[in-house]
Amino acid sequence: MDTSLRSSGGISRHILSDPTMLSLLFSNLLTIYLAVSQDWSLITIMWVYWFQSVTIGFFNFIRILTLKDFSTDGFKVNNRSVEATKKTKISTAIFFAFHYGFFHFVYAIFLVSFSFSGLLESSGQSANGFGDAAYVLLTSAVFFVNHLHSFLYNRGRDAGKQNIGRVMFFPYARIIPMHLTIIFGMLLGKGAIVLFLTLKTLADMIMHVLEHN
């Protein structure tokens, strides 16, 4: 882990020195504020972070395709080592898009089912399709702008030689804890969701730092 994260105040220094961290923090705090003030249903919250996950995958796909200098150490395809060629880069990006996309496609099927069945609606709320669609679109757009800003801002930092296998798998390490945190928060009920969304925000920021260091 980055040594600056081990020291007290390490996260604070990263927040203050990295504008993309500030925008990521703003995106999460805005989501938490709207979730509380507008009494979002749990399904609405899940849709918001589903869209954030898709956004992360989209920019990672672009990131793989735009790698200029990369290594393939420890990276194998069909149990065979591969060379750091343009063909490897393109095939890796396509595989990632298919695998990551399929994961979120299945995830979306469950969310659609829950949306129309009302299983994850909070008490007193009726099932309303995709929940508060306007809020979902608003916060999803905010997250998209944040990740676009991060992608453009960190292109120089990410320009050094990177391992293509790590770049491909890192989004999974970032989103799986994020969604597990949200799911466990939901299992404990609406009252615990603020705590778990706060933990999600912290984990999101830590993984952002690790991804670009």
C-alpha atoms as a PDB file:
ATOM      1  CA  MET A   1       0.000   0.000   0.000  1.00  0.00           C
ATOM      2  CA  ASP A   2       1.151   3.533  -0.694  1.00  0.00           C
ATOM      3  CA  THR A   3       3.294   4.666   2.260  1.00  0.00           C
ATOM      4  CA  SER A   4       1.495   7.992   2.458  1.00  0.00           C
ATOM      5  CA  LEU A   5      -1.683   6.129   3.337  1.00  0.00           C
ATOM      6  CA  ARG A   6      -0.012   4.546   6.374  1.00  0.00           C
ATOM      7  CA  SER A   7       0.704   7.819   8.098  1.00  0.00           C
ATOM      8  CA  SER A   8      -1.928   9.777   9.948  1.00  0.00           C
ATOM      9  CA  GLY A   9      -3.527  12.339   7.705  1.00  0.00           C
ATOM     10  CA  GLY A  10      -2.302  10.523   4.574  1.00  0.00           C
ATOM     11  CA  ILE A  11      -5.771  10.432   3.053  1.00  0.00           C
ATOM     12  CA  SER A  12      -6.293  14.103   3.896  1.00  0.00           C
ATOM     13  CA  ARG A  13      -3.117  15.093   2.056  1.00  0.00           C
ATOM     14  CA  HIS A  14      -4.204  13.163  -1.009  1.00  0.00           C
ATOM     15  CA  ILE A  15      -7.619  14.807  -0.932  1.00  0.00           C
ATOM     16  CA  LEU A  16      -6.102  18.281  -0.748  1.00  0.00           C
ATOM     17  CA  SER A  17      -3.417  17.651  -3.370  1.00  0.00           C
ATOM     18  CA  ASP A  18      -5.482  15.741  -5.934  1.00  0.00           C
ATOM     19  CA  PRO A  19      -8.493  17.557  -7.450  1.00  0.00           C
ATOM     20  CA  THR A  20      -9.879  14.246  -8.718  1.00  0.00           C
ATOM     21  CA  MET A  21     -10.069  13.051  -5.114  1.00  0.00           C
ATOM     22  CA  LEU A  22     -12.027  16.158  -4.202  1.00  0.00           C
ATOM     23  CA  SER A  23     -14.487  15.567  -7.018  1.00  0.00           C
ATOM     24  CA  LEU A  24     -14.806  11.888  -6.043  1.00  0.00           C
ATOM     25  CA  LEU A  25     -15.519  12.920  -2.456  1.00  0.00           C
ATOM     26  CA  PHE A  26     -18.079  15.463  -3.662  1.00  0.00           C
ATOM     27  CA  SER A  27     -19.792  12.844  -5.839  1.00  0.00           C
ATOM     28  CA  ASN A  28     -20.145  10.439  -2.928  1.00  0.00           C
ATOM     29  CA  LEU A  29     -21.246  13.093  -0.430  1.00  0.00           C
ATOM     30  CA  LEU A  30     -23.859  14.366  -2.886  1.00  0.00           C
ATOM     31  CA  THR A  31     -25.202  10.837  -3.247  1.00  0.00           C
ATOM     32  CA  ILE A  32     -25.352  10.328   0.516  1.00  0.00           C
ATOM     33  CA  TYR A  33     -27.079  13.689   1.001  1.00  0.00           C
ATOM     34  CA  LEU A  34     -29.725  12.946  -1.639  1.00  0.00           C
ATOM     35  CA  ALA A  35     -30.226   9.411  -0.331  1.00  0.00           C
ATOM     36  CA  VAL A  36     -30.990  10.771   3.137  1.00  0.00           C
ATOM     37  CA  SER A  37     -32.863  13.970   2.284  1.00  0.00           C
ATOM     38  CA  GLN A  38     -35.021  12.361  -0.404  1.00  0.00           C
ATOM     39  CA  ASP A  39     -35.502   9.107   1.503  1.00  0.00           C
ATOM     40  CA  TRP A  40     -34.269   6.983  -1.367  1.00  0.00           C
ATOM     41  CA  SER A  41     -35.305   3.387  -1.617  1.00  0.00           C
ATOM     42  CA  LEU A  42     -32.519   0.824  -1.456  1.00  0.00           C
ATOM     43  CA  ILE A  43     -32.984  -0.067  -5.114  1.00  0.00           C
ATOM     44  CA  THR A  44     -32.357   3.555  -6.105  1.00  0.00           C
ATOM     45  CA  ILE A  45     -29.050   3.503  -4.242  1.00  0.00           C
ATOM     46  CA  MET A  46     -28.070   0.249  -5.935  1.00  0.00           C
ATOM     47  CA  TRP A  47     -28.815   1.690  -9.380  1.00  0.00           C
ATOM     48  CA  VAL A  48     -26.649   4.735  -8.689  1.00  0.00           C
ATOM     49  CA  TYR A  49     -23.626   2.624  -7.788  1.00  0.00           C
ATOM     50  CA  TRP A  50     -24.314   0.191 -10.637  1.00  0.00           C
ATOM     51  CA  PHE A  51     -23.927   3.118 -13.016  1.00  0.00           C
ATOM     52  CA  GLN A  52     -20.732   4.165 -11.243  1.00  0.00           C
ATOM     53  CA  SER A  53     -19.351   0.642 -11.694  1.00  0.00           C
ATOM     54  CA  VAL A  54     -20.184   0.703 -15.398  1.00  0.00           C
ATOM     55  CA  THR A  55     -18.468   4.086 -15.680  1.00  0.00           C
ATOM     56  CA  ILE A  56     -15.338   2.705 -13.998  1.00  0.00           C
ATOM     57  CA  GLY A  57     -15.325  -0.209 -16.451  1.00  0.00           C
ATOM     58  CA  PHE A  58     -15.785   2.065 -19.465  1.00  0.00           C
ATOM     59  CA  PHE A  59     -12.814   4.245 -18.616  1.00  0.00           C
ATOM     60  CA  ASN A  60     -10.692   1.215 -17.754  1.00  0.00           C
ATOM     61  CA  PHE A  61     -11.466  -0.208 -21.209  1.00  0.00           C
ATOM     62  CA  ILE A  62     -10.248   3.052 -22.764  1.00  0.00           C
ATOM     63  CA  ARG A  63      -7.233   3.008 -20.454  1.00  0.00           C
ATOM     64  CA  ILE A  64      -6.200  -0.452 -21.647  1.00  0.00           C
ATOM     65  CA  LEU A  65      -6.561   0.527 -25.295  1.00  0.00           C
ATOM     66  CA  THR A  66      -4.448   3.662 -24.800  1.00  0.00           C
ATOM     67  CA  LEU A  67      -1.571   1.960 -22.977  1.00  0.00           C
ATOM     68  CA  LYS A  68       1.656   2.832 -24.746  1.00  0.00           C
ATOM     69  CA  ASP A  69       4.332   1.182 -22.657  1.00  0.00           C
ATOM     70  CA  PHE A  70       3.229  -1.878 -20.713  1.00  0.00           C
ATOM     71  CA  SER A  71       4.510  -5.201 -19.433  1.00  0.00           C
ATOM     72  CA  THR A  72       2.899  -8.638 -19.423  1.00  0.00           C
ATOM     73  CA  ASP A  73       4.839 -10.083 -16.471  1.00  0.00           C
ATOM     74  CA  GLY A  74       2.756 -12.830 -14.883  1.00  0.00           C
ATOM     75  CA  PHE A  75      -0.066 -12.243 -17.367  1.00  0.00           C
ATOM     76  CA  LYS A  76      -1.145 -15.324 -19.290  1.00  0.00           C
ATOM     77  CA  VAL A  77      -3.801 -16.124 -21.857  1.00  0.00           C
ATOM     78  CA  ASN A  78      -4.905 -19.767 -21.989  1.00  0.00           C
ATOM     79  CA  ASN A  79      -2.032 -20.566 -19.606  1.00  0.00           C
ATOM     80  CA  ARG A  80       0.468 -19.107 -22.054  1.00  0.00           C
ATOM     81  CA  SER A  81       2.650 -16.065 -21.580  1.00  0.00           C
ATOM     82  CA  VAL A  82       2.011 -13.272 -24.056  1.00  0.00           C
ATOM     83  CA  GLU A  83       4.133 -10.528 -25.536  1.00  0.00           C
ATOM     84  CA  ALA A  84       3.553  -6.819 -24.980  1.00  0.00           C
ATOM     85  CA  THR A  85       2.124  -6.191 -28.442  1.00  0.00           C
ATOM     86  CA  LYS A  86      -0.717  -4.155 -29.872  1.00  0.00           C
ATOM     87  CA  LYS A  87      -2.620  -7.394 -30.521  1.00  0.00           C
ATOM     88  CA  THR A  88      -2.321  -8.333 -26.833  1.00  0.00           C
ATOM     89  CA  LYS A  89      -3.553  -4.906 -25.798  1.00  0.00           C
ATOM     90  CA  ILE A  90      -6.619  -5.030 -28.060  1.00  0.00           C
ATOM     91  CA  SER A  91      -7.550  -8.622 -27.169  1.00  0.00           C
ATOM     92  CA  THR A  92      -7.173  -7.836 -23.451  1.00  0.00           C
ATOM     93  CA  ALA A  93      -9.423  -4.790 -23.768  1.00  0.00           C
ATOM     94  CA  ILE A  94     -12.063  -6.826 -25.634  1.00  0.00           C
ATOM     95  CA  PHE A  95     -11.929  -9.645 -23.068  1.00  0.00           C
ATOM     96  CA  PHE A  96     -12.257  -7.159 -20.232  1.00  0.00           C
ATOM     97  CA  ALA A  97     -15.215  -5.424 -21.892  1.00  0.00           C
ATOM     98  CA  PHE A  98     -17.006  -8.735 -22.417  1.00  0.00           C
ATOM     99  CA  HIS A  99     -16.332 -10.194 -18.963  1.00  0.00           C
ATOM    100  CA  TYR A 100     -16.931  -6.964 -17.023  1.00  0.00           C
ATOM    101  CA  GLY A 101     -19.919  -6.127 -19.176  1.00  0.00           C
ATOM    102  CA  PHE A 102     -21.497  -9.566 -18.717  1.00  0.00           C
ATOM    103  CA  PHE A 103     -21.071  -9.298 -14.947  1.00  0.00           C
ATOM    104  CA  HIS A 104     -22.948  -5.990 -14.941  1.00  0.00           C
ATOM    105  CA  PHE A 105     -25.545  -7.260 -17.403  1.00  0.00           C
ATOM    106  CA  VAL A 106     -26.484 -10.067 -14.999  1.00  0.00           C
ATOM    107  CA  TYR A 107     -26.376  -7.590 -12.121  1.00  0.00           C
ATOM    108  CA  ALA A 108     -28.755  -5.304 -14.048  1.00  0.00           C
ATOM    109  CA  ILE A 109     -31.212  -8.149 -14.608  1.00  0.00           C
ATOM    110  CA  PHE A 110     -31.482  -8.625 -10.845  1.00  0.00           C
ATOM    111  CA  LEU A 111     -31.873  -4.893 -10.305  1.00  0.00           C
ATOM    112  CA  VAL A 112     -34.630  -4.656 -12.916  1.00  0.00           C
ATOM    113  CA  SER A 113     -36.406  -7.572 -11.270  1.00  0.00           C
ATOM    114  CA  PHE A 114     -36.098  -5.965  -7.841  1.00  0.00           C
ATOM    115  CA  SER A 115     -37.184  -2.592  -9.235  1.00  0.00           C
ATOM    116  CA  PHE A 116     -40.506  -3.858 -10.535  1.00  0.00           C
ATOM    117  CA  SER A 117     -41.177  -6.315  -7.736  1.00  0.00           C
ATOM    118  CA  GLY A 118     -40.597  -3.700  -5.029  1.00  0.00           C
ATOM    119  CA  LEU A 119     -38.572  -6.164  -2.934  1.00  0.00           C
ATOM    120  CA  LEU A 120     -35.985  -3.543  -2.018  1.00  0.00           C
ATOM    121  CA  GLU A 121     -38.335  -0.620  -1.539  1.00  0.00           C
ATOM    122  CA  SER A 122     -38.330   0.874   1.927  1.00  0.00           C
ATOM    123  CA  SER A 123     -41.382   0.566   4.109  1.00  0.00           C
ATOM    124  CA  GLY A 124     -44.203   2.854   3.134  1.00  0.00           C
ATOM    125  CA  GLN A 125     -42.924   3.213  -0.423  1.00  0.00           C
ATOM    126  CA  SER A 126     -44.556   1.541  -3.352  1.00  0.00           C
ATOM    127  CA  ALA A 127     -42.636  -0.100  -6.149  1.00  0.00           C
ATOM    128  CA  ASN A 128     -41.961   2.593  -8.721  1.00  0.00           C
ATOM    129  CA  GLY A 129     -40.101   0.944 -11.557  1.00  0.00           C
ATOM    130  CA  PHE A 130     -36.523   2.144 -11.539  1.00  0.00           C
ATOM    131  CA  GLY A 131     -36.968   4.188  -8.394  1.00  0.00           C
ATOM    132  CA  ASP A 132     -36.191   7.885  -8.505  1.00  0.00           C
ATOM    133  CA  ALA A 133     -34.956   7.899 -12.100  1.00  0.00           C
ATOM    134  CA  ALA A 134     -34.128  11.612 -12.143  1.00  0.00           C
ATOM    135  CA  TYR A 135     -31.858  11.275  -9.111  1.00  0.00           C
ATOM    136  CA  VAL A 136     -30.241   8.157 -10.544  1.00  0.00           C
ATOM    137  CA  LEU A 137     -29.454   9.997 -13.778  1.00  0.00           C
ATOM    138  CA  LEU A 138     -28.212  13.080 -11.938  1.00  0.00           C
ATOM    139  CA  THR A 139     -25.814  11.279  -9.600  1.00  0.00           C
ATOM    140  CA  SER A 140     -24.711   8.891 -12.364  1.00  0.00           C
ATOM    141  CA  ALA A 141     -23.845  11.898 -14.516  1.00  0.00           C
ATOM    142  CA  VAL A 142     -21.879  13.415 -11.615  1.00  0.00           C
ATOM    143  CA  PHE A 143     -19.913  10.191 -11.195  1.00  0.00           C
ATOM    144  CA  PHE A 144     -19.291  10.041 -14.966  1.00  0.00           C
ATOM    145  CA  VAL A 145     -17.902  13.588 -14.970  1.00  0.00           C
ATOM    146  CA  ASN A 146     -15.731  12.714 -11.964  1.00  0.00           C
ATOM    147  CA  HIS A 147     -14.247   9.641 -13.621  1.00  0.00           C
ATOM    148  CA  LEU A 148     -13.760  11.491 -16.925  1.00  0.00           C
ATOM    149  CA  HIS A 149     -11.903  14.196 -15.016  1.00  0.00           C
ATOM    150  CA  SER A 150      -9.844  11.539 -13.229  1.00  0.00           C
ATOM    151  CA  PHE A 151      -9.022   9.774 -16.502  1.00  0.00           C
ATOM    152  CA  LEU A 152      -7.829  12.963 -18.176  1.00  0.00           C
ATOM    153  CA  TYR A 153      -6.013  14.269 -15.102  1.00  0.00           C
ATOM    154  CA  ASN A 154      -4.157  11.017 -14.402  1.00  0.00           C
ATOM    155  CA  ARG A 155      -3.107  10.238 -17.977  1.00  0.00           C
ATOM    156  CA  GLY A 156       0.317  11.692 -17.322  1.00  0.00           C
ATOM    157  CA  ARG A 157       0.684   9.855 -14.006  1.00  0.00           C
ATOM    158  CA  ASP A 158      -0.447   6.603 -15.616  1.00  0.00           C
ATOM    159  CA  ALA A 159       1.835   7.034 -18.639  1.00  0.00           C
ATOM    160  CA  GLY A 160       4.682   5.035 -17.091  1.00  0.00           C
ATOM    161  CA  LYS A 161       5.182   1.369 -17.791  1.00  0.00           C
ATOM    162  CA  GLN A 162       2.302  -0.589 -16.302  1.00  0.00           C
ATOM    163  CA  ASN A 163       1.385  -4.250 -16.053  1.00  0.00           C
ATOM    164  CA  ILE A 164      -1.576  -4.844 -18.336  1.00  0.00           C
ATOM    165  CA  GLY A 165      -2.868  -7.666 -16.149  1.00  0.00           C
ATOM    166  CA  ARG A 166      -3.039  -5.395 -13.123  1.00  0.00           C
ATOM    167  CA  VAL A 167      -4.761  -2.669 -15.113  1.00  0.00           C
ATOM    168  CA  MET A 168      -7.354  -5.174 -16.339  1.00  0.00           C
ATOM    169  CA  PHE A 169      -8.154  -6.684 -12.934  1.00  0.00           C
ATOM    170  CA  PHE A 170      -7.998  -3.547 -10.779  1.00  0.00           C
ATOM    171  CA  PRO A 171     -11.626  -2.448 -11.391  1.00  0.00           C
ATOM    172  CA  TYR A 172     -12.824  -5.716  -9.858  1.00  0.00           C
ATOM    173  CA  ALA A 173     -10.758  -5.034  -6.736  1.00  0.00           C
ATOM    174  CA  ARG A 174     -12.350  -1.605  -6.599  1.00  0.00           C
ATOM    175  CA  ILE A 175     -16.029  -2.355  -7.220  1.00  0.00           C
ATOM    176  CA  ILE A 176     -16.508  -5.698  -5.452  1.00  0.00           C
ATOM    177  CA  PRO A 177     -15.810  -4.288  -1.947  1.00  0.00           C
ATOM    178  CA  MET A 178     -17.917  -1.270  -2.889  1.00  0.00           C
ATOM    179  CA  HIS A 179     -20.975  -3.353  -3.707  1.00  0.00           C
ATOM    180  CA  LEU A 180     -20.490  -5.790  -0.840  1.00  0.00           C
ATOM    181  CA  THR A 181     -20.458  -2.811   1.520  1.00  0.00           C
ATOM    182  CA  ILE A 182     -23.735  -1.534   0.073  1.00  0.00           C
ATOM    183  CA  ILE A 183     -25.378  -4.976   0.172  1.00  0.00           C
ATOM    184  CA  PHE A 184     -24.401  -5.610   3.797  1.00  0.00           C
ATOM    185  CA  GLY A 185     -25.655  -2.167   4.679  1.00  0.00           C
ATOM    186  CA  MET A 186     -28.993  -3.005   3.105  1.00  0.00           C
ATOM    187  CA  LEU A 187     -29.249  -6.266   5.010  1.00  0.00           C
ATOM    188  CA  LEU A 188     -28.962  -4.285   8.246  1.00  0.00           C
ATOM    189  CA  GLY A 189     -31.778  -1.985   7.210  1.00  0.00           C
ATOM    190  CA  LYS A 190     -32.276   1.574   6.062  1.00  0.00           C
ATOM    191  CA  GLY A 191     -31.021   3.015   9.338  1.00  0.00           C
ATOM    192  CA  ALA A 192     -27.523   1.632   8.744  1.00  0.00           C
ATOM    193  CA  ILE A 193     -27.216   2.736   5.139  1.00  0.00           C
ATOM    194  CA  VAL A 194     -25.571   6.101   5.903  1.00  0.00           C
ATOM    195  CA  LEU A 195     -22.802   4.367   7.850  1.00  0.00           C
ATOM    196  CA  PHE A 196     -22.193   1.884   5.078  1.00  0.00           C
ATOM    197  CA  LEU A 197     -22.292   4.509   2.328  1.00  0.00           C
ATOM    198  CA  THR A 198     -19.707   6.459   4.317  1.00  0.00           C
ATOM    199  CA  LEU A 199     -17.518   3.345   4.511  1.00  0.00           C
ATOM    200  CA  LYS A 200     -18.061   2.877   0.779  1.00  0.00           C
ATOM    201  CA  THR A 201     -16.895   6.446   0.169  1.00  0.00           C
ATOM    202  CA  LEU A 202     -13.725   5.876   2.192  1.00  0.00           C
ATOM    203  CA  ALA A 203     -12.974   2.607   0.384  1.00  0.00           C
ATOM    204  CA  ASP A 204     -13.644   4.275  -2.974  1.00  0.00           C
ATOM    205  CA  MET A 205     -11.123   7.004  -2.226  1.00  0.00           C
ATOM    206  CA  ILE A 206      -8.440   4.620  -0.938  1.00  0.00           C
ATOM    207  CA  MET A 207      -8.757   2.453  -4.051  1.00  0.00           C
ATOM    208  CA  HIS A 208      -8.576   5.570  -6.219  1.00  0.00           C
ATOM    209  CA  VAL A 209      -5.243   6.478  -4.637  1.00  0.00           C
ATOM    210  CA  LEU A 210      -3.885   2.948  -5.042  1.00  0.00           C
ATOM    211  CA  GLU A 211      -5.011   2.767  -8.653  1.00  0.00           C
ATOM    212  CA  HIS A 212      -3.033   5.832  -9.652  1.00  0.00           C
ATOM    213  CA  ASN A 213       0.073   5.219  -7.522  1.00  0.00           C
END
